[in-house]
């Protein structure tokens, strides 16, 4: 599916009936040939928006997958970059796709659960791309608490957040249908595979970041276009540790 080198329908079905960790271990070798990888134009827009917030010495990509966010951190960090994910398969694919480059900061790959990050005051910048649907709303406080703890004072946790689709649009119903299928799947099949597109709502997220101790702001991502009403198609959430 998606491309001649992408996963087959059978491979996607096996992944969907696995746990999150094992499912991504299976998908890792072909993940970058799917639409699930964060697109380059979004990554480039984040680099342009984040660079003026620096300088940054060290960076952390939370739920790094195959390393798309690590590439962003290499562009804006000076000393060291760390990618963390709980899928060994995704970490192996990331390490293969992003070898050491002379002049770029070295990369460390760490296998860990994002809700229990093993870092304290270690980073100036943390990013995350496309992973929040894997966390139920009740799990986000632990995720944000550990992101806060991993940062140095004044450090920033940033991530892009697309505008919600217009109610009644084709995308709205597609995401609604996907989430409904996933809820049904998790009712009748174990282990669960948590991936929901409609549970990460901006007002809730900003409130939870504030409770974790962050001060928050929204920045536009120029170059990604606007909706018919003039609002940006995608914003950058910037959460700063006091």
Protein backbone atom coordinates (compact mmCIF):
# COMPACT_ATOMS: atom_id res chain seq x y z
CA UNK A 1 0.00 0.00 0.00
CA UNK A 2 0.93 3.71 -0.44
CA UNK A 3 3.95 2.86 -2.63
CA UNK A 4 5.59 -0.22 -4.21
CA UNK A 5 8.04 -0.35 -1.30
CA UNK A 6 5.49 0.43 1.39
CA UNK A 7 3.73 -2.02 3.71
CA UNK A 8 1.17 -4.40 2.26
CA UNK A 9 -2.45 -4.46 3.40
CA UNK A 10 -1.73 -7.68 5.25
CA UNK A 11 1.25 -6.14 7.05
CA UNK A 12 -0.86 -3.17 8.12
CA UNK A 13 -3.58 -5.51 9.36
CA UNK A 14 -1.08 -7.48 11.45
CA UNK A 15 0.27 -4.25 12.88
CA UNK A 16 -3.21 -3.00 13.75
CA UNK A 17 -3.96 -6.21 15.65
CA UNK A 18 -0.71 -6.01 17.65
CA UNK A 19 0.25 -3.93 20.65
CA UNK A 20 1.53 -0.43 19.92
CA UNK A 21 5.13 -1.40 20.62
CA UNK A 22 5.12 -4.64 18.62
CA UNK A 23 3.08 -3.06 15.85
CA UNK A 24 5.69 -0.36 15.32
CA UNK A 25 8.51 -2.90 15.55
CA UNK A 26 6.84 -4.64 12.60
CA UNK A 27 6.16 -1.45 10.63
CA UNK A 28 9.53 0.21 11.27
CA UNK A 29 11.41 -1.00 8.14
CA UNK A 30 8.72 0.47 5.86
CA UNK A 31 7.40 3.32 8.01
CA UNK A 32 9.03 6.08 5.97
CA UNK A 33 7.23 4.80 2.86
CA UNK A 34 3.84 5.56 4.43
CA UNK A 35 1.90 8.84 4.81
CA UNK A 36 2.33 8.49 8.59
CA UNK A 37 5.84 9.96 8.46
CA UNK A 38 5.88 13.68 9.24
CA UNK A 39 6.23 15.46 5.89
CA UNK A 40 9.39 17.40 5.11
CA UNK A 41 7.57 20.70 4.48
CA UNK A 42 6.22 20.60 8.06
CA UNK A 43 9.64 19.74 9.49
CA UNK A 44 11.22 22.61 7.57
CA UNK A 45 8.57 25.03 8.83
CA UNK A 46 9.27 24.00 12.42
CA UNK A 47 13.02 24.54 11.92
CA UNK A 48 12.35 28.07 10.67
CA UNK A 49 10.05 28.84 13.61
CA UNK A 50 12.25 27.30 16.32
CA UNK A 51 15.67 28.60 15.30
CA UNK A 52 14.99 32.21 16.47
CA UNK A 53 14.05 30.87 19.93
CA UNK A 54 17.58 29.56 20.50
CA UNK A 55 20.43 29.09 20.84
CA UNK A 56 20.03 25.49 22.00
CA UNK A 57 22.82 23.22 23.11
CA UNK A 58 20.93 19.94 23.59
CA UNK A 59 17.69 18.57 22.14
CA UNK A 60 15.28 15.72 22.83
CA UNK A 61 12.85 14.13 20.36
CA UNK A 62 10.07 12.49 22.37
CA UNK A 63 8.58 9.45 20.59
CA UNK A 64 11.15 9.91 17.85
CA UNK A 65 9.98 7.05 15.60
CA UNK A 66 12.29 6.81 12.61
CA UNK A 67 13.94 10.12 13.47
CA UNK A 68 12.11 12.88 11.61
CA UNK A 69 12.23 15.17 14.64
CA UNK A 70 15.86 14.32 15.31
CA UNK A 71 16.62 15.84 11.92
CA UNK A 72 14.97 19.07 13.10
CA UNK A 73 17.05 19.08 16.29
CA UNK A 74 20.25 18.55 14.31
CA UNK A 75 19.46 21.79 12.49
CA UNK A 76 19.02 23.91 15.62
CA UNK A 77 21.09 22.29 18.40
CA UNK A 78 24.83 22.73 18.82
CA UNK A 79 26.12 19.95 21.09
CA UNK A 80 23.98 16.82 21.42
CA UNK A 81 20.66 15.33 20.31
CA UNK A 82 18.72 12.43 21.84
CA UNK A 83 15.87 10.44 20.29
CA UNK A 84 13.69 8.40 22.61
CA UNK A 85 11.07 5.81 21.65
CA UNK A 86 9.75 2.60 23.20
CA UNK A 87 9.89 0.65 19.92
CA UNK A 88 13.26 -1.00 19.39
CA UNK A 89 12.40 -1.45 15.71
CA UNK A 90 11.76 2.26 15.18
CA UNK A 91 14.98 3.18 16.98
CA UNK A 92 16.95 0.79 14.77
CA UNK A 93 15.39 2.29 11.64
CA UNK A 94 16.14 5.81 12.89
CA UNK A 95 19.77 5.00 13.62
CA UNK A 96 20.17 3.51 10.14
CA UNK A 97 18.51 6.50 8.46
CA UNK A 98 20.48 9.13 10.40
CA UNK A 99 24.14 8.14 10.64
CA UNK A 100 26.65 10.46 12.27
CA UNK A 101 27.54 13.45 10.08
CA UNK A 102 30.75 15.49 10.49
CA UNK A 103 29.89 18.91 11.89
CA UNK A 104 26.44 17.86 13.12
CA UNK A 105 25.76 17.17 16.81
CA UNK A 106 26.05 13.49 17.79
CA UNK A 107 22.81 11.55 18.29
CA UNK A 108 22.01 9.18 21.13
CA UNK A 109 19.12 6.71 20.80
CA UNK A 110 17.31 5.73 24.01
CA UNK A 111 14.56 3.15 24.43
CA UNK A 112 12.08 4.39 27.03
CA UNK A 113 8.41 5.10 27.66
CA UNK A 114 7.62 8.79 27.16
CA UNK A 115 5.50 8.73 30.33
CA UNK A 116 8.61 7.79 32.31
CA UNK A 117 11.44 9.65 30.59
CA UNK A 118 14.75 8.91 32.36
CA UNK A 119 16.07 12.49 32.16
CA UNK A 120 16.21 15.38 34.62
CA UNK A 121 17.25 18.89 33.64
CA UNK A 122 19.19 17.62 30.63
CA UNK A 123 17.85 19.49 27.58
CA UNK A 124 17.27 22.99 26.26
CA UNK A 125 14.71 21.92 23.65
CA UNK A 126 12.24 19.05 23.36
CA UNK A 127 10.09 18.30 20.31
CA UNK A 128 7.51 15.70 19.35
CA UNK A 129 5.86 14.97 16.02
CA UNK A 130 2.71 12.96 15.36
CA UNK A 131 2.79 10.83 18.50
CA UNK A 132 0.19 12.34 20.82
CA UNK A 133 -2.66 10.21 19.49
CA UNK A 134 -0.99 7.24 21.18
CA UNK A 135 -1.72 8.69 24.62
CA UNK A 136 -5.14 8.66 26.21
CA UNK A 137 -6.18 12.00 27.76
CA UNK A 138 -5.60 10.60 31.24
CA UNK A 139 -2.00 9.75 30.32
CA UNK A 140 -1.03 13.20 29.08
CA UNK A 141 -0.34 14.75 32.52
CA UNK A 142 2.41 12.17 33.14
CA UNK A 143 3.79 12.78 29.65
CA UNK A 144 3.90 16.56 30.13
CA UNK A 145 5.32 16.25 33.66
CA UNK A 146 8.23 14.17 32.38
CA UNK A 147 8.82 16.52 29.46
CA UNK A 148 8.98 19.39 31.95
CA UNK A 149 11.41 17.48 34.17
CA UNK A 150 13.68 16.65 31.22
CA UNK A 151 14.20 20.34 30.41
CA UNK A 152 16.59 22.80 31.98
CA UNK A 153 15.06 26.00 33.41
CA UNK A 154 14.06 28.14 30.45
CA UNK A 155 13.95 25.11 28.16
CA UNK A 156 11.17 24.74 25.62
CA UNK A 157 8.88 21.90 24.60
CA UNK A 158 7.52 22.55 21.11
CA UNK A 159 5.28 20.65 18.72
CA UNK A 160 3.12 21.45 15.68
CA UNK A 161 -0.64 21.19 15.97
CA UNK A 162 -2.83 21.26 12.84
CA UNK A 163 -6.09 23.16 12.93
CA UNK A 164 -9.09 20.87 13.48
CA UNK A 165 -10.99 19.99 10.30
CA UNK A 166 -14.19 21.83 9.55
CA UNK A 167 -17.19 20.03 11.02
CA UNK A 168 -18.87 18.03 8.29
CA UNK A 169 -15.88 18.07 5.94
CA UNK A 170 -14.51 14.91 4.36
CA UNK A 171 -11.48 14.97 6.68
CA UNK A 172 -13.72 15.47 9.72
CA UNK A 173 -15.70 12.34 8.92
CA UNK A 174 -12.57 10.38 7.99
CA UNK A 175 -10.98 11.08 11.38
CA UNK A 176 -14.25 10.46 13.19
CA UNK A 177 -14.59 7.12 11.40
CA UNK A 178 -10.99 6.13 12.14
CA UNK A 179 -11.36 6.87 15.85
CA UNK A 180 -14.65 4.96 15.98
CA UNK A 181 -13.08 1.90 14.36
CA UNK A 182 -10.16 2.04 16.79
CA UNK A 183 -12.49 2.24 19.79
CA UNK A 184 -14.43 -0.76 18.52
CA UNK A 185 -11.21 -2.66 17.86
CA UNK A 186 -10.01 -2.00 21.41
CA UNK A 187 -13.30 -3.16 22.86
CA UNK A 188 -13.14 -6.56 21.19
CA UNK A 189 -9.41 -7.20 20.74
CA UNK A 190 -6.42 -7.27 23.06
CA UNK A 191 -3.80 -6.00 23.46
CA UNK A 192 -5.15 -2.51 22.75
CA UNK A 193 -3.67 -0.30 20.05
CA UNK A 194 -4.16 3.30 21.14
CA UNK A 195 -4.23 5.75 18.24
CA UNK A 196 -6.88 8.45 18.16
CA UNK A 197 -6.92 11.63 16.08
CA UNK A 198 -9.69 13.56 17.84
CA UNK A 199 -8.63 13.42 21.51
CA UNK A 200 -5.79 15.99 21.38
CA UNK A 201 -7.76 19.25 21.64
CA UNK A 202 -5.90 22.53 21.94
CA UNK A 203 -7.74 24.04 24.96
CA UNK A 204 -7.27 20.84 26.98
CA UNK A 205 -3.63 20.53 25.97
CA UNK A 206 -2.79 24.13 26.90
CA UNK A 207 -4.46 23.69 30.29
CA UNK A 208 -2.55 20.47 30.96
CA UNK A 209 0.76 22.06 29.97
CA UNK A 210 0.04 24.91 32.38
CA UNK A 211 -0.71 22.47 35.19
CA UNK A 212 2.64 20.79 34.49
CA UNK A 213 4.35 24.14 35.12
CA UNK A 214 4.84 25.43 31.57
CA UNK A 215 4.02 28.86 30.25
CA UNK A 216 2.57 28.50 26.76
CA UNK A 217 2.22 30.46 23.56
CA UNK A 218 1.14 29.72 20.00
CA UNK A 219 3.20 30.68 16.98
CA UNK A 220 2.22 30.49 13.34
CA UNK A 221 4.09 28.28 10.92
CA UNK A 222 4.53 30.42 7.79
CA UNK A 223 4.48 28.61 4.51
CA UNK A 224 1.85 26.05 5.46
CA UNK A 225 -1.07 28.15 4.29
CA UNK A 226 -4.29 29.33 5.87
CA UNK A 227 -7.86 28.12 6.05
CA UNK A 228 -10.67 29.96 4.20
CA UNK A 229 -11.36 32.04 7.32
CA UNK A 230 -7.72 33.18 7.43
CA UNK A 231 -6.58 31.10 10.42
CA UNK A 232 -3.32 29.13 10.04
CA UNK A 233 -3.54 25.53 8.90
CA UNK A 234 -0.99 24.61 11.55
CA UNK A 235 0.35 26.31 14.67
CA UNK A 236 3.41 25.68 16.80
CA UNK A 237 2.78 25.16 20.50
CA UNK A 238 5.71 26.57 22.50
CA UNK A 239 5.73 25.51 26.16
CA UNK A 240 8.50 27.06 28.27
CA UNK A 241 9.78 25.75 31.57
CA UNK A 242 9.93 28.64 34.03
